[in-house]
Amino acid sequence: MNTSYQNFIDRCIIEVMRESSYTKLKGWTSFGKNNDLDLAFKKLDDGHPLGLWKCSIEIE
């Protein structure tokens, strides 16, 4: 696997994990909460046309 791509993926994972610890969705556009499912979208400024999606679910 390409080292620069692996570094990119590692940075993205670290960033998502760091942001998921915040109570507010910093920079994320929320699509609302349906039952216990929360869906949000974020457009990254990395030159790629794809955005980043985040889904979280509350389990009791």
PDB file of N, CA and C in Angstrom:
ATOM      1  N   MET A   1       0.850  -1.177   0.000  1.00  0.00           N
ATOM      2  CA  MET A   1       0.000   0.000   0.000  1.00  0.00           C
ATOM      3  C   MET A   1       0.896   1.240   0.000  1.00  0.00           C
ATOM      4  N   ASN A   2       0.475   2.248  -0.713  1.00  0.00           N
ATOM      5  CA  ASN A   2       1.225   3.493  -0.808  1.00  0.00           C
ATOM      6  C   ASN A   2       1.315   4.159   0.568  1.00  0.00           C
ATOM      7  N   THR A   3       2.538   4.540   0.955  1.00  0.00           N
ATOM      8  CA  THR A   3       2.759   5.123   2.282  1.00  0.00           C
ATOM      9  C   THR A   3       1.994   6.427   2.468  1.00  0.00           C
ATOM     10  N   SER A   4       1.967   7.290   1.438  1.00  0.00           N
ATOM     11  CA  SER A   4       1.258   8.562   1.585  1.00  0.00           C
ATOM     12  C   SER A   4      -0.248   8.337   1.736  1.00  0.00           C
ATOM     13  N   TYR A   5      -0.780   7.341   1.041  1.00  0.00           N
ATOM     14  CA  TYR A   5      -2.201   7.033   1.183  1.00  0.00           C
ATOM     15  C   TYR A   5      -2.494   6.495   2.581  1.00  0.00           C
ATOM     16  N   GLN A   6      -1.626   5.642   3.082  1.00  0.00           N
ATOM     17  CA  GLN A   6      -1.801   5.098   4.433  1.00  0.00           C
ATOM     18  C   GLN A   6      -1.747   6.219   5.469  1.00  0.00           C
ATOM     19  N   ASN A   7      -0.828   7.175   5.290  1.00  0.00           N
ATOM     20  CA  ASN A   7      -0.746   8.322   6.202  1.00  0.00           C
ATOM     21  C   ASN A   7      -2.019   9.155   6.136  1.00  0.00           C
ATOM     22  N   PHE A   8      -2.564   9.341   4.929  1.00  0.00           N
ATOM     23  CA  PHE A   8      -3.804  10.091   4.755  1.00  0.00           C
ATOM     24  C   PHE A   8      -4.950   9.412   5.508  1.00  0.00           C
ATOM     25  N   ILE A   9      -5.082   8.103   5.337  1.00  0.00           N
ATOM     26  CA  ILE A   9      -6.139   7.349   6.019  1.00  0.00           C
ATOM     27  C   ILE A   9      -5.963   7.423   7.531  1.00  0.00           C
ATOM     28  N   ASP A  10      -4.726   7.285   7.995  1.00  0.00           N
ATOM     29  CA  ASP A  10      -4.459   7.372   9.438  1.00  0.00           C
ATOM     30  C   ASP A  10      -4.859   8.731   9.993  1.00  0.00           C
ATOM     31  N   ARG A  11      -4.538   9.809   9.278  1.00  0.00           N
ATOM     32  CA  ARG A  11      -4.911  11.164   9.723  1.00  0.00           C
ATOM     33  C   ARG A  11      -6.426  11.317   9.759  1.00  0.00           C
ATOM     34  N   CYS A  12      -7.112  10.796   8.748  1.00  0.00           N
ATOM     35  CA  CYS A  12      -8.578  10.884   8.714  1.00  0.00           C
ATOM     36  C   CYS A  12      -9.205  10.139   9.885  1.00  0.00           C
ATOM     37  N   ILE A  13      -8.699   8.965  10.175  1.00  0.00           N
ATOM     38  CA  ILE A  13      -9.236   8.177  11.290  1.00  0.00           C
ATOM     39  C   ILE A  13      -9.015   8.897  12.609  1.00  0.00           C
ATOM     40  N   ILE A  14      -7.828   9.441  12.804  1.00  0.00           N
ATOM     41  CA  ILE A  14      -7.526  10.181  14.033  1.00  0.00           C
ATOM     42  C   ILE A  14      -8.431  11.395  14.157  1.00  0.00           C
ATOM     43  N   GLU A  15      -8.642  12.111  13.053  1.00  0.00           N
ATOM     44  CA  GLU A  15      -9.493  13.300  13.075  1.00  0.00           C
ATOM     45  C   GLU A  15     -10.939  12.943  13.416  1.00  0.00           C
ATOM     46  N   VAL A  16     -11.458  11.891  12.821  1.00  0.00           N
ATOM     47  CA  VAL A  16     -12.839  11.475  13.108  1.00  0.00           C
ATOM     48  C   VAL A  16     -12.981  11.039  14.560  1.00  0.00           C
ATOM     49  N   MET A  17     -12.003  10.306  15.058  1.00  0.00           N
ATOM     50  CA  MET A  17     -12.061   9.876  16.457  1.00  0.00           C
ATOM     51  C   MET A  17     -11.987  11.073  17.400  1.00  0.00           C
ATOM     52  N   ARG A  18     -11.165  12.055  17.067  1.00  0.00           N
ATOM     53  CA  ARG A  18     -11.040  13.245  17.907  1.00  0.00           C
ATOM     54  C   ARG A  18     -12.340  14.045  17.885  1.00  0.00           C
ATOM     55  N   GLU A  19     -12.907  14.240  16.689  1.00  0.00           N
ATOM     56  CA  GLU A  19     -14.143  15.008  16.578  1.00  0.00           C
ATOM     57  C   GLU A  19     -15.332  14.285  17.196  1.00  0.00           C
ATOM     58  N   SER A  20     -15.317  12.974  17.200  1.00  0.00           N
ATOM     59  CA  SER A  20     -16.446  12.239  17.772  1.00  0.00           C
ATOM     60  C   SER A  20     -16.504  12.377  19.286  1.00  0.00           C
ATOM     61  N   SER A  21     -15.416  12.822  19.888  1.00  0.00           N
ATOM     62  CA  SER A  21     -15.423  13.008  21.337  1.00  0.00           C
ATOM     63  C   SER A  21     -16.075  14.334  21.733  1.00  0.00           C
ATOM     64  N   TYR A  22     -16.284  15.242  20.758  1.00  0.00           N
ATOM     65  CA  TYR A  22     -16.949  16.513  21.047  1.00  0.00           C
ATOM     66  C   TYR A  22     -18.448  16.296  21.129  1.00  0.00           C
ATOM     67  N   THR A  23     -19.119  17.123  21.911  1.00  0.00           N
ATOM     68  CA  THR A  23     -20.572  17.009  21.995  1.00  0.00           C
ATOM     69  C   THR A  23     -21.236  17.684  20.799  1.00  0.00           C
ATOM     70  N   LYS A  24     -20.647  18.745  20.259  1.00  0.00           N
ATOM     71  CA  LYS A  24     -21.182  19.409  19.079  1.00  0.00           C
ATOM     72  C   LYS A  24     -20.516  18.819  17.845  1.00  0.00           C
ATOM     73  N   LEU A  25     -21.204  18.864  16.724  1.00  0.00           N
ATOM     74  CA  LEU A  25     -20.639  18.383  15.466  1.00  0.00           C
ATOM     75  C   LEU A  25     -19.858  19.522  14.814  1.00  0.00           C
ATOM     76  N   LYS A  26     -18.602  19.625  15.109  1.00  0.00           N
ATOM     77  CA  LYS A  26     -17.760  20.715  14.625  1.00  0.00           C
ATOM     78  C   LYS A  26     -17.519  20.585  13.116  1.00  0.00           C
ATOM     79  N   GLY A  27     -18.128  21.484  12.351  1.00  0.00           N
ATOM     80  CA  GLY A  27     -17.946  21.480  10.910  1.00  0.00           C
ATOM     81  C   GLY A  27     -18.804  20.476  10.161  1.00  0.00           C
ATOM     82  N   TRP A  28     -19.639  19.751  10.863  1.00  0.00           N
ATOM     83  CA  TRP A  28     -20.483  18.736  10.244  1.00  0.00           C
ATOM     84  C   TRP A  28     -21.875  19.303   9.987  1.00  0.00           C
ATOM     85  N   THR A  29     -22.496  18.892   8.898  1.00  0.00           N
ATOM     86  CA  THR A  29     -23.876  19.243   8.599  1.00  0.00           C
ATOM     87  C   THR A  29     -24.745  18.061   9.011  1.00  0.00           C
ATOM     88  N   SER A  30     -25.543  18.265  10.020  1.00  0.00           N
ATOM     89  CA  SER A  30     -26.364  17.179  10.550  1.00  0.00           C
ATOM     90  C   SER A  30     -27.627  17.014   9.717  1.00  0.00           C
ATOM     91  N   PHE A  31     -28.014  15.783   9.490  1.00  0.00           N
ATOM     92  CA  PHE A  31     -29.249  15.476   8.793  1.00  0.00           C
ATOM     93  C   PHE A  31     -30.321  15.053   9.778  1.00  0.00           C
ATOM     94  N   GLY A  32     -30.122  15.429  11.027  1.00  0.00           N
ATOM     95  CA  GLY A  32     -31.109  15.147  12.052  1.00  0.00           C
ATOM     96  C   GLY A  32     -30.906  13.797  12.699  1.00  0.00           C
ATOM     97  N   LYS A  33     -31.669  13.595  13.726  1.00  0.00           N
ATOM     98  CA  LYS A  33     -31.590  12.356  14.484  1.00  0.00           C
ATOM     99  C   LYS A  33     -32.907  11.623  14.310  1.00  0.00           C
ATOM    100  N   ASN A  34     -32.832  10.399  13.834  1.00  0.00           N
ATOM    101  CA  ASN A  34     -34.002   9.569  13.629  1.00  0.00           C
ATOM    102  C   ASN A  34     -33.904   8.397  14.591  1.00  0.00           C
ATOM    103  N   ASN A  35     -34.807   8.324  15.539  1.00  0.00           N
ATOM    104  CA  ASN A  35     -34.748   7.334  16.617  1.00  0.00           C
ATOM    105  C   ASN A  35     -33.426   7.522  17.350  1.00  0.00           C
ATOM    106  N   ASP A  36     -32.547   6.560  17.308  1.00  0.00           N
ATOM    107  CA  ASP A  36     -31.247   6.694  17.969  1.00  0.00           C
ATOM    108  C   ASP A  36     -30.110   6.801  16.963  1.00  0.00           C
ATOM    109  N   LEU A  37     -30.426   7.096  15.705  1.00  0.00           N
ATOM    110  CA  LEU A  37     -29.443   7.179  14.633  1.00  0.00           C
ATOM    111  C   LEU A  37     -29.178   8.637  14.286  1.00  0.00           C
ATOM    112  N   ASP A  38     -27.916   9.035  14.274  1.00  0.00           N
ATOM    113  CA  ASP A  38     -27.525  10.401  13.932  1.00  0.00           C
ATOM    114  C   ASP A  38     -26.632  10.347  12.702  1.00  0.00           C
ATOM    115  N   LEU A  39     -27.007  11.091  11.645  1.00  0.00           N
ATOM    116  CA  LEU A  39     -26.276  11.091  10.387  1.00  0.00           C
ATOM    117  C   LEU A  39     -25.782  12.500  10.098  1.00  0.00           C
ATOM    118  N   ALA A  40     -24.496  12.624   9.707  1.00  0.00           N
ATOM    119  CA  ALA A  40     -23.920  13.934   9.425  1.00  0.00           C
ATOM    120  C   ALA A  40     -22.958  13.829   8.241  1.00  0.00           C
ATOM    121  N   PHE A  41     -22.759  14.963   7.545  1.00  0.00           N
ATOM    122  CA  PHE A  41     -21.914  15.048   6.361  1.00  0.00           C
ATOM    123  C   PHE A  41     -20.919  16.186   6.538  1.00  0.00           C
ATOM    124  N   LYS A  42     -19.710  15.996   6.003  1.00  0.00           N
ATOM    125  CA  LYS A  42     -18.698  17.045   6.062  1.00  0.00           C
ATOM    126  C   LYS A  42     -17.908  17.036   4.763  1.00  0.00           C
ATOM    127  N   LYS A  43     -17.780  18.200   4.136  1.00  0.00           N
ATOM    128  CA  LYS A  43     -16.961  18.320   2.933  1.00  0.00           C
ATOM    129  C   LYS A  43     -15.567  18.726   3.361  1.00  0.00           C
ATOM    130  N   LEU A  44     -14.598  17.884   3.043  1.00  0.00           N
ATOM    131  CA  LEU A  44     -13.218  18.159   3.407  1.00  0.00           C
ATOM    132  C   LEU A  44     -12.565  19.044   2.357  1.00  0.00           C
ATOM    133  N   ASP A  45     -11.598  19.822   2.766  1.00  0.00           N
ATOM    134  CA  ASP A  45     -10.857  20.688   1.853  1.00  0.00           C
ATOM    135  C   ASP A  45      -9.544  20.002   1.477  1.00  0.00           C
ATOM    136  N   ASP A  46      -9.678  18.790   0.902  1.00  0.00           N
ATOM    137  CA  ASP A  46      -8.481  18.032   0.549  1.00  0.00           C
ATOM    138  C   ASP A  46      -8.349  17.822  -0.954  1.00  0.00           C
ATOM    139  N   GLY A  47      -9.215  18.474  -1.732  1.00  0.00           N
ATOM    140  CA  GLY A  47      -9.139  18.374  -3.178  1.00  0.00           C
ATOM    141  C   GLY A  47      -9.897  17.195  -3.772  1.00  0.00           C
ATOM    142  N   HIS A  48     -10.424  16.320  -2.942  1.00  0.00           N
ATOM    143  CA  HIS A  48     -11.185  15.177  -3.432  1.00  0.00           C
ATOM    144  C   HIS A  48     -12.665  15.552  -3.506  1.00  0.00           C
ATOM    145  N   PRO A  49     -13.374  15.055  -4.533  1.00  0.00           N
ATOM    146  CA  PRO A  49     -14.787  15.434  -4.686  1.00  0.00           C
ATOM    147  C   PRO A  49     -15.722  14.759  -3.683  1.00  0.00           C
ATOM    148  N   LEU A  50     -15.269  13.694  -3.044  1.00  0.00           N
ATOM    149  CA  LEU A  50     -16.138  12.984  -2.110  1.00  0.00           C
ATOM    150  C   LEU A  50     -16.118  13.627  -0.734  1.00  0.00           C
ATOM    151  N   GLY A  51     -17.250  13.608  -0.098  1.00  0.00           N
ATOM    152  CA  GLY A  51     -17.347  14.118   1.264  1.00  0.00           C
ATOM    153  C   GLY A  51     -17.200  12.993   2.267  1.00  0.00           C
ATOM    154  N   LEU A  52     -17.216  13.372   3.515  1.00  0.00           N
ATOM    155  CA  LEU A  52     -17.076  12.412   4.602  1.00  0.00           C
ATOM    156  C   LEU A  52     -18.424  12.292   5.300  1.00  0.00           C
ATOM    157  N   TRP A  53     -18.886  11.070   5.501  1.00  0.00           N
ATOM    158  CA  TRP A  53     -20.146  10.808   6.175  1.00  0.00           C
ATOM    159  C   TRP A  53     -19.873  10.175   7.526  1.00  0.00           C
ATOM    160  N   LYS A  54     -20.693  10.542   8.495  1.00  0.00           N
ATOM    161  CA  LYS A  54     -20.552   9.973   9.832  1.00  0.00           C
ATOM    162  C   LYS A  54     -21.932   9.553  10.319  1.00  0.00           C
ATOM    163  N   CYS A  55     -21.991   8.362  10.831  1.00  0.00           N
ATOM    164  CA  CYS A  55     -23.232   7.827  11.375  1.00  0.00           C
ATOM    165  C   CYS A  55     -22.942   7.319  12.776  1.00  0.00           C
ATOM    166  N   SER A  56     -23.778   7.700  13.704  1.00  0.00           N
ATOM    167  CA  SER A  56     -23.616   7.186  15.061  1.00  0.00           C
ATOM    168  C   SER A  56     -24.977   6.700  15.553  1.00  0.00           C
ATOM    169  N   ILE A  57     -24.915   5.685  16.369  1.00  0.00           N
ATOM    170  CA  ILE A  57     -26.137   5.101  16.906  1.00  0.00           C
ATOM    171  C   ILE A  57     -25.964   4.906  18.405  1.00  0.00           C
ATOM    172  N   GLU A  58     -27.020   5.192  19.133  1.00  0.00           N
ATOM    173  CA  GLU A  58     -26.978   5.035  20.581  1.00  0.00           C
ATOM    174  C   GLU A  58     -27.551   3.673  20.940  1.00  0.00           C
ATOM    175  N   ILE A  59     -26.768   2.908  21.658  1.00  0.00           N
ATOM    176  CA  ILE A  59     -27.185   1.565  22.060  1.00  0.00           C
ATOM    177  C   ILE A  59     -27.307   1.527  23.573  1.00  0.00           C
ATOM    178  N   GLU A  60     -28.423   1.037  24.037  1.00  0.00           N
ATOM    179  CA  GLU A  60     -28.628   0.931  25.481  1.00  0.00           C
ATOM    180  C   GLU A  60     -28.483  -0.491  25.936  1.00  0.00           C
TER     181      GLU A  60
END
